[in-house]
Amino acid sequence: MFIRNRLFQYLVKLCAATALACSGLACLAQNAPAASDGSASSAASSMAAEKPIYANNMERDNALLAKAFTAFAKAEEVQLLETPDEKIISLYKQGETRKPKGALLIMHAPEVPQLWPATLENLRRNLPLYGWATMALPLPGKYQSAVPERESSSASSVAAEAASAAVSSASAEVVASASSVSSESAKPLVSRDKLIGERVDAAVAQLNKIGQFNLVVLVDNSSAPDALASLYKKINKSSTTSDTVDGPLQALILVNLQNQEPLTKQQLIDIFSVKDLPVMDVFFNSDDTAQTELRRTHNAEAMRQNLKDYQQLILPNQPPVTVDETQNFWLGKIHGFIARTAEGNESTKGGNSTSKNVDMK
C-alpha cells in the first residue's frame, strides 16, 4: 500500500510538470513576433532573378576592358576616346628619348575582354624606351558572350573594393565614364565593322592631335580587314613617291593571334593592296603543316600584289615573352622593323612626307 501511494504521487507530479511545459510552449508560440511584410518581400525578391548589370554586350566588354587596362597602367597613360556611338579606353605611353621617332598603334580584339596578351603589353610598355610612343586600342571581339547576371550585394561590394584598390582616382573617373549605362531606351546594336572604323578614326585623330603623325599600325588578323579599310581610305595610292606612303600610316605589323579566323584570299588581297606599305606578317604557333600552308598563302598573295617590303616572322614559343622584359627577341624584331621602314618617314607636323629611312647598324 505504501509503494502504491508513492507511485500515485509520482505520476501526479509528472502530469503536472508536463502540463506546465505545454502551457509554456503555447505561450511562446502566441508571443512570437510575426514575420513582417518587409522581410517576407525581401526574401521573395532575393530569390527572384535580378536584372543584368550591363544593358548590352558592348557596355559589358568596355567596362571589363577599362578595369583590365587601368589595373596595369599608370593614371597618366589612360585616355578616353569618344566616337559617335561609344566611349572607349585607350592607353598612351610617350617615347622616352629626347627626339620622338613616331608612334605604334596597337589594336587587338581579345575574345576574353579582360585578356590583353603579354606579347602586346610588352611592346606597349617597353617600345617607348627606344623613342617610339605606343597607343593600345582594344577592338570589339567577333564572338560576343552572354550578358552576365547581377552579382549579389556582398560579391559586388568585394569586387568594387578590389577594383578601387587597383586603380587611381584619375583612372577611376575614366572607367566610370566609359562603362556607364545609358538611362535612355535601348539603342540599336552597332555593327562590329562600324565600331572598329570609328575607334580607329578616333585613335588616329587623337595621335595627330598630340603631334604624332609618323604612325605604324599593329593589328590582329581578326580585326585587320575592318581596321585597315578605314585607314586605307586616307592613303593616296596614286602618289609617285617610291619609298614612303602618303597617308596615316608608314608600316603595318599583322599579328596572326586568332587561329580560328584565318584570313581569306580576298581579305589578304585587300590588306596587301598598298604596294609601298612595308608589312611584317607575324605567326605565333609552332611551324606545323597547317601554319606552313597558311604562311605560304600569305606570302603568295603578297607577291601577287607586288609588295615592295614584305617579311614573315615566327615568334618562338620558348622562352615566353613577359610584360617587363626590356630586351627580347620579339621586342628587338619589332623595333628593328619599324626603325628600318618608318623612322623619319612622316614629319611631326603632318602633311608632307620625307624619304629619311634609317638603316639599323
Protein backbone atom coordinates (compact mmCIF):
# COMPACT_ATOMS: atom_id res chain seq x y z
CA MET A 1 0.00 0.00 0.00
CA PHE A 2 2.84 2.37 0.80
CA ILE A 3 4.51 1.72 -2.54
CA ARG A 4 1.25 2.23 -4.41
CA ASN A 5 0.72 5.65 -2.74
CA ARG A 6 4.25 6.75 -3.60
CA LEU A 7 3.79 5.67 -7.22
CA PHE A 8 0.49 7.59 -7.44
CA GLN A 9 2.14 10.75 -6.10
CA TYR A 10 4.99 10.46 -8.66
CA LEU A 11 2.54 10.15 -11.56
CA VAL A 12 0.60 13.21 -10.34
CA LYS A 13 3.80 15.31 -10.24
CA LEU A 14 4.82 14.07 -13.69
CA CYS A 15 1.48 15.08 -15.22
CA ALA A 16 1.65 18.49 -13.60
CA ALA A 17 5.16 19.13 -14.99
CA THR A 18 4.10 18.05 -18.45
CA ALA A 19 1.09 20.36 -18.41
CA LEU A 20 3.28 23.27 -17.28
CA ALA A 21 5.75 22.69 -20.13
CA CYS A 22 2.99 22.52 -22.72
CA SER A 23 1.44 25.73 -21.49
CA GLY A 24 4.84 27.46 -21.67
CA LEU A 25 5.35 26.37 -25.28
CA ALA A 26 1.88 27.58 -26.19
CA CYS A 27 2.62 30.93 -24.60
CA LEU A 28 5.86 31.26 -26.55
CA ALA A 29 4.06 30.44 -29.76
CA GLN A 30 1.44 33.08 -29.09
CA ASN A 31 4.00 35.76 -28.19
CA ALA A 32 6.43 35.01 -31.07
CA PRO A 33 6.73 38.02 -33.44
CA ALA A 34 5.04 37.52 -36.78
CA ALA A 35 7.21 37.82 -39.94
CA SER A 36 6.98 41.38 -41.21
CA ASP A 37 5.79 42.10 -44.70
CA GLY A 38 9.10 43.80 -45.42
CA SER A 39 11.24 40.78 -44.55
CA ALA A 40 8.90 38.49 -46.46
CA SER A 41 9.06 40.65 -49.55
CA SER A 42 12.85 40.96 -49.18
CA ALA A 43 13.21 37.21 -49.08
CA ALA A 44 10.99 36.86 -52.12
CA SER A 45 12.94 39.49 -54.03
CA SER A 46 16.29 37.91 -53.18
CA MET A 47 15.06 34.65 -54.64
CA ALA A 48 13.92 36.33 -57.85
CA ALA A 49 16.46 36.69 -60.67
CA GLU A 50 17.99 40.16 -60.70
CA LYS A 51 18.46 42.24 -63.83
CA PRO A 52 21.81 42.17 -65.72
CA ILE A 53 24.48 44.64 -64.66
CA TYR A 54 25.01 45.94 -68.21
CA ALA A 55 22.48 46.92 -70.84
CA ASN A 56 24.27 45.04 -73.61
CA ASN A 57 27.46 43.18 -74.51
CA MET A 58 29.27 46.29 -75.74
CA GLU A 59 28.89 48.04 -72.39
CA ARG A 60 29.99 44.88 -70.57
CA ASP A 61 33.12 44.46 -72.72
CA ASN A 62 34.05 48.15 -72.42
CA ALA A 63 33.69 48.01 -68.65
CA LEU A 64 35.84 44.88 -68.35
CA LEU A 65 38.48 46.32 -70.68
CA ALA A 66 38.52 49.55 -68.73
CA LYS A 67 39.09 47.70 -65.46
CA ALA A 68 41.76 45.48 -67.00
CA PHE A 69 43.61 48.37 -68.65
CA THR A 70 43.60 50.62 -65.61
CA ALA A 71 44.71 47.75 -63.39
CA PHE A 72 48.16 47.59 -65.04
CA ALA A 73 48.56 51.10 -66.48
CA LYS A 74 49.54 54.38 -64.89
CA ALA A 75 46.90 57.06 -64.47
CA GLU A 76 48.56 59.43 -66.93
CA GLU A 77 48.53 56.73 -69.64
CA VAL A 78 44.75 56.32 -69.60
CA GLN A 79 42.92 58.23 -72.31
CA LEU A 80 39.24 58.26 -73.13
CA LEU A 81 38.34 58.23 -76.82
CA GLU A 82 34.86 59.27 -77.88
CA THR A 83 33.22 58.06 -81.08
CA PRO A 84 29.73 58.73 -82.43
CA ASP A 85 28.46 55.53 -80.78
CA GLU A 86 30.53 54.98 -77.62
CA LYS A 87 33.36 55.91 -75.32
CA ILE A 88 36.38 53.63 -75.14
CA ILE A 89 39.52 53.41 -73.02
CA SER A 90 42.94 53.60 -74.70
CA LEU A 91 46.43 53.70 -73.23
CA TYR A 92 49.06 56.15 -74.49
CA LYS A 93 52.70 55.95 -73.41
CA GLN A 94 55.16 58.61 -74.56
CA GLY A 95 58.55 57.86 -76.07
CA GLU A 96 61.42 58.16 -73.61
CA THR A 97 64.12 59.63 -75.83
CA ARG A 98 64.93 63.26 -76.49
CA LYS A 99 63.59 63.22 -80.04
CA PRO A 100 60.30 61.35 -80.71
CA LYS A 101 60.51 58.91 -83.61
CA GLY A 102 56.84 58.07 -84.11
CA ALA A 103 54.07 56.02 -82.58
CA LEU A 104 52.93 52.40 -82.72
CA LEU A 105 49.14 51.98 -82.66
CA ILE A 106 48.44 48.53 -81.17
CA MET A 107 44.95 47.20 -81.97
CA HIS A 108 43.60 43.89 -80.75
CA ALA A 109 40.19 42.24 -80.28
CA PRO A 110 40.59 39.83 -77.35
CA GLU A 111 37.98 37.08 -77.21
CA VAL A 112 38.03 37.37 -73.42
CA PRO A 113 37.60 41.13 -72.92
CA GLN A 114 39.88 41.44 -69.89
CA LEU A 115 42.69 39.50 -71.57
CA TRP A 116 45.49 41.59 -73.14
CA PRO A 117 48.26 39.30 -74.48
CA ALA A 118 51.68 39.57 -72.83
CA THR A 119 53.38 39.97 -76.22
CA LEU A 120 51.37 43.12 -76.96
CA GLU A 121 51.66 44.51 -73.45
CA ASN A 122 55.44 44.04 -73.66
CA LEU A 123 55.53 46.28 -76.75
CA ARG A 124 53.25 48.86 -75.18
CA ARG A 125 55.41 49.19 -72.09
CA ASN A 126 58.91 48.90 -73.50
CA LEU A 127 58.97 50.25 -77.05
CA PRO A 128 58.94 53.83 -75.66
CA LEU A 129 62.43 53.12 -74.28
CA TYR A 130 63.60 53.28 -77.91
CA GLY A 131 61.85 56.56 -78.69
CA TRP A 132 58.57 55.19 -80.05
CA ALA A 133 55.32 56.16 -78.36
CA THR A 134 52.62 53.49 -78.09
CA MET A 135 48.83 53.58 -78.02
CA ALA A 136 46.89 50.44 -77.09
CA LEU A 137 43.39 50.40 -78.58
CA PRO A 138 41.02 47.50 -77.74
CA LEU A 139 38.67 46.49 -80.52
CA PRO A 140 35.32 44.69 -80.23
CA GLY A 141 35.57 40.92 -80.39
CA LYS A 142 33.91 38.94 -83.14
CA TYR A 143 32.24 36.46 -80.82
CA GLN A 144 30.07 38.00 -78.11
CA SER A 145 29.36 36.18 -74.86
CA ALA A 146 26.09 36.38 -72.95
CA VAL A 147 25.44 39.36 -70.69
CA PRO A 148 26.20 38.21 -67.10
CA GLU A 149 23.62 38.38 -64.34
CA ARG A 150 23.98 40.84 -61.50
CA GLU A 151 26.12 39.62 -58.63
CA SER A 152 24.87 39.51 -55.06
CA SER A 153 25.34 42.63 -52.98
CA SER A 154 28.15 41.09 -50.93
CA ALA A 155 30.03 39.90 -54.01
CA SER A 156 29.54 43.26 -55.69
CA SER A 157 30.95 45.10 -52.69
CA VAL A 158 34.05 42.88 -52.62
CA ALA A 159 34.58 43.38 -56.36
CA ALA A 160 34.14 47.13 -56.02
CA GLU A 161 36.70 47.30 -53.23
CA ALA A 162 39.20 45.30 -55.26
CA ALA A 163 38.67 47.47 -58.35
CA SER A 164 39.03 50.70 -56.41
CA ALA A 165 42.25 49.46 -54.86
CA ALA A 166 43.66 48.61 -58.29
CA VAL A 167 43.18 51.98 -59.96
CA SER A 168 43.97 55.54 -59.08
CA SER A 169 41.30 58.18 -58.65
CA ALA A 170 42.06 59.69 -62.06
CA SER A 171 41.68 56.33 -63.78
CA ALA A 172 38.52 55.55 -61.86
CA GLU A 173 36.82 58.63 -63.29
CA VAL A 174 37.62 57.47 -66.81
CA VAL A 175 36.40 53.95 -66.05
CA ALA A 176 33.12 55.28 -64.70
CA SER A 177 32.61 57.39 -67.81
CA ALA A 178 33.45 54.54 -70.18
CA SER A 179 31.31 51.90 -68.51
CA SER A 180 28.27 53.94 -67.53
CA VAL A 181 24.91 52.57 -68.61
CA SER A 182 22.68 54.96 -70.53
CA SER A 183 19.34 55.79 -68.96
CA GLU A 184 17.77 56.14 -72.38
CA SER A 185 15.83 53.41 -74.08
CA ALA A 186 17.81 50.54 -75.56
CA LYS A 187 19.85 51.68 -78.56
CA PRO A 188 20.07 49.59 -81.72
CA LEU A 189 23.16 47.41 -81.94
CA VAL A 190 26.01 48.88 -83.97
CA SER A 191 27.81 46.57 -86.40
CA ARG A 192 31.32 45.45 -85.49
CA ASP A 193 32.93 46.86 -88.64
CA LYS A 194 31.39 50.28 -87.94
CA LEU A 195 32.61 50.23 -84.32
CA ILE A 196 36.12 49.27 -85.42
CA GLY A 197 36.23 52.02 -88.05
CA GLU A 198 35.06 54.63 -85.56
CA ARG A 199 37.60 53.56 -82.92
CA VAL A 200 40.46 53.61 -85.43
CA ASP A 201 39.49 57.07 -86.67
CA ALA A 202 39.27 58.37 -83.08
CA ALA A 203 42.68 56.91 -82.18
CA VAL A 204 44.42 58.36 -85.25
CA ALA A 205 42.79 61.75 -84.65
CA GLN A 206 43.97 61.71 -81.03
CA LEU A 207 47.54 60.78 -82.02
CA ASN A 208 47.60 63.58 -84.61
CA LYS A 209 46.24 65.99 -82.02
CA ILE A 210 49.21 65.35 -79.73
CA GLY A 211 51.70 65.68 -82.60
CA GLN A 212 52.14 62.03 -83.65
CA PHE A 213 51.92 61.73 -87.44
CA ASN A 214 54.58 59.07 -88.07
CA LEU A 215 52.42 56.04 -87.34
CA VAL A 216 52.94 52.29 -87.51
CA VAL A 217 49.91 50.03 -87.04
CA LEU A 218 49.90 46.64 -85.33
CA VAL A 219 46.61 44.77 -85.70
CA ASP A 220 45.43 41.19 -85.18
CA ASN A 221 44.08 39.13 -88.07
CA SER A 222 40.51 39.17 -86.71
CA SER A 223 40.30 42.96 -86.89
CA ALA A 224 42.67 43.73 -89.75
CA PRO A 225 40.13 43.81 -92.63
CA ASP A 226 37.86 46.38 -90.94
CA ALA A 227 40.60 48.41 -89.24
CA LEU A 228 42.71 48.74 -92.38
CA ALA A 229 39.70 49.51 -94.56
CA SER A 230 39.23 52.68 -92.52
CA LEU A 231 42.92 53.61 -92.70
CA TYR A 232 43.37 52.80 -96.40
CA LYS A 233 40.67 55.31 -97.31
CA LYS A 234 43.07 58.04 -96.20
CA ILE A 235 46.02 56.78 -98.26
CA ASN A 236 46.87 58.44 -101.55
CA LYS A 237 47.60 55.36 -103.67
CA SER A 238 48.36 57.50 -106.73
CA SER A 239 51.38 59.12 -105.06
CA THR A 240 54.58 58.91 -107.10
CA THR A 241 56.82 58.79 -104.02
CA SER A 242 58.69 55.50 -104.22
CA ASP A 243 59.90 54.98 -100.64
CA THR A 244 57.12 56.18 -98.36
CA VAL A 245 53.35 56.05 -98.01
CA ASP A 246 51.31 59.21 -98.40
CA GLY A 247 48.76 58.60 -95.66
CA PRO A 248 48.13 57.97 -91.96
CA LEU A 249 50.48 55.01 -91.54
CA GLN A 250 54.00 54.16 -92.65
CA ALA A 251 54.25 50.44 -91.87
CA LEU A 252 52.00 47.53 -90.91
CA ILE A 253 52.53 44.67 -88.45
CA LEU A 254 49.96 41.91 -88.95
CA VAL A 255 49.80 39.55 -85.96
CA ASN A 256 48.01 36.24 -86.52
CA LEU A 257 46.69 35.79 -82.98
CA GLN A 258 43.21 34.42 -83.73
CA ASN A 259 43.88 30.94 -85.04
CA GLN A 260 40.18 30.24 -85.55
CA GLU A 261 39.89 33.12 -88.03
CA PRO A 262 42.45 32.69 -90.82
CA LEU A 263 42.31 35.47 -93.37
CA THR A 264 40.64 34.65 -96.65
CA LYS A 265 42.25 35.17 -100.04
CA GLN A 266 40.15 38.28 -100.72
CA GLN A 267 40.97 39.74 -97.30
CA LEU A 268 44.69 39.23 -97.96
CA ILE A 269 44.35 40.92 -101.36
CA ASP A 270 42.77 43.93 -99.68
CA ILE A 271 45.35 44.07 -96.87
CA PHE A 272 48.28 43.85 -99.31
CA SER A 273 46.77 46.33 -101.78
CA VAL A 274 49.14 49.22 -100.86
CA LYS A 275 52.35 48.10 -102.52
CA ASP A 276 54.53 50.81 -100.91
CA LEU A 277 53.43 49.86 -97.38
CA PRO A 278 56.06 47.72 -95.57
CA VAL A 279 54.44 44.68 -93.90
CA MET A 280 55.68 42.34 -91.20
CA ASP A 281 53.50 39.21 -91.02
CA VAL A 282 53.82 37.58 -87.57
CA PHE A 283 52.95 33.96 -86.69
CA PHE A 284 52.97 32.61 -83.14
CA ASN A 285 52.42 28.86 -83.35
CA SER A 286 54.93 26.13 -83.98
CA ASP A 287 55.53 25.83 -87.71
CA ASP A 288 53.40 22.74 -88.27
CA THR A 289 51.71 21.70 -91.51
CA ALA A 290 48.71 23.98 -91.04
CA GLN A 291 50.78 27.08 -90.30
CA THR A 292 53.24 26.31 -93.08
CA GLU A 293 50.34 26.24 -95.55
CA LEU A 294 48.94 29.47 -94.10
CA ARG A 295 52.30 31.23 -94.37
CA ARG A 296 52.62 30.06 -97.97
CA THR A 297 49.19 31.52 -98.77
CA HIS A 298 50.07 34.88 -97.18
CA ASN A 299 53.41 35.03 -98.98
CA ALA A 300 51.85 34.17 -102.34
CA GLU A 301 49.26 36.95 -102.09
CA ALA A 302 51.91 39.46 -101.01
CA MET A 303 53.97 38.57 -104.07
CA ARG A 304 50.96 38.81 -106.39
CA GLN A 305 50.24 42.31 -105.04
CA ASN A 306 53.88 43.30 -105.68
CA LEU A 307 54.56 44.39 -102.10
CA LYS A 308 57.97 46.06 -102.08
CA ASP A 309 58.77 45.20 -98.45
CA TYR A 310 57.18 42.04 -97.05
CA GLN A 311 58.62 39.71 -94.42
CA GLN A 312 57.33 36.95 -92.19
CA LEU A 313 58.27 36.41 -88.56
CA ILE A 314 57.70 33.26 -86.50
CA LEU A 315 57.80 34.06 -82.80
CA PRO A 316 59.38 31.14 -80.93
CA ASN A 317 57.33 29.64 -78.12
CA GLN A 318 60.27 29.44 -75.73
CA PRO A 319 61.15 31.39 -73.75
CA PRO A 320 57.73 33.07 -73.38
CA VAL A 321 57.60 36.85 -73.52
CA THR A 322 56.83 38.59 -70.22
CA VAL A 323 55.49 42.12 -69.92
CA ASP A 324 58.52 43.63 -68.15
CA GLU A 325 61.32 42.36 -70.40
CA THR A 326 63.12 45.33 -71.93
CA GLN A 327 65.22 43.14 -74.21
CA ASN A 328 63.92 40.08 -76.01
CA PHE A 329 63.67 38.57 -79.48
CA TRP A 330 60.11 39.85 -80.07
CA LEU A 331 60.75 43.43 -78.97
CA GLY A 332 64.02 43.56 -80.91
CA LYS A 333 62.42 42.35 -84.13
CA ILE A 334 59.55 44.85 -83.94
CA HIS A 335 61.86 47.74 -83.08
CA GLY A 336 64.22 46.83 -85.90
CA PHE A 337 61.39 46.62 -88.43
CA ILE A 338 59.78 49.97 -87.60
CA ALA A 339 63.15 51.72 -87.31
CA ARG A 340 64.15 50.48 -90.76
CA THR A 341 60.85 51.10 -92.51
CA ALA A 342 59.16 54.03 -90.78
CA GLU A 343 61.51 56.12 -88.66
CA GLY A 344 61.60 59.67 -90.03
CA ASN A 345 59.21 58.96 -92.91
CA GLU A 346 56.49 61.40 -91.85
CA SER A 347 57.08 64.87 -90.46
CA THR A 348 55.78 65.52 -86.95
CA LYS A 349 53.61 68.36 -88.23
CA GLY A 350 51.80 66.16 -90.71
CA GLY A 351 51.08 66.84 -94.34
CA ASN A 352 54.40 66.24 -96.06
CA SER A 353 56.31 63.00 -96.19
CA THR A 354 60.06 62.72 -96.34
CA SER A 355 62.35 59.96 -97.53
CA LYS A 356 64.50 59.60 -94.44
CA ASN A 357 64.64 55.84 -93.91
CA VAL A 358 67.02 54.78 -91.17
CA ASP A 359 69.11 51.65 -91.55
CA MET A 360 69.95 49.56 -88.48
CA LYS A 361 73.66 49.21 -87.82
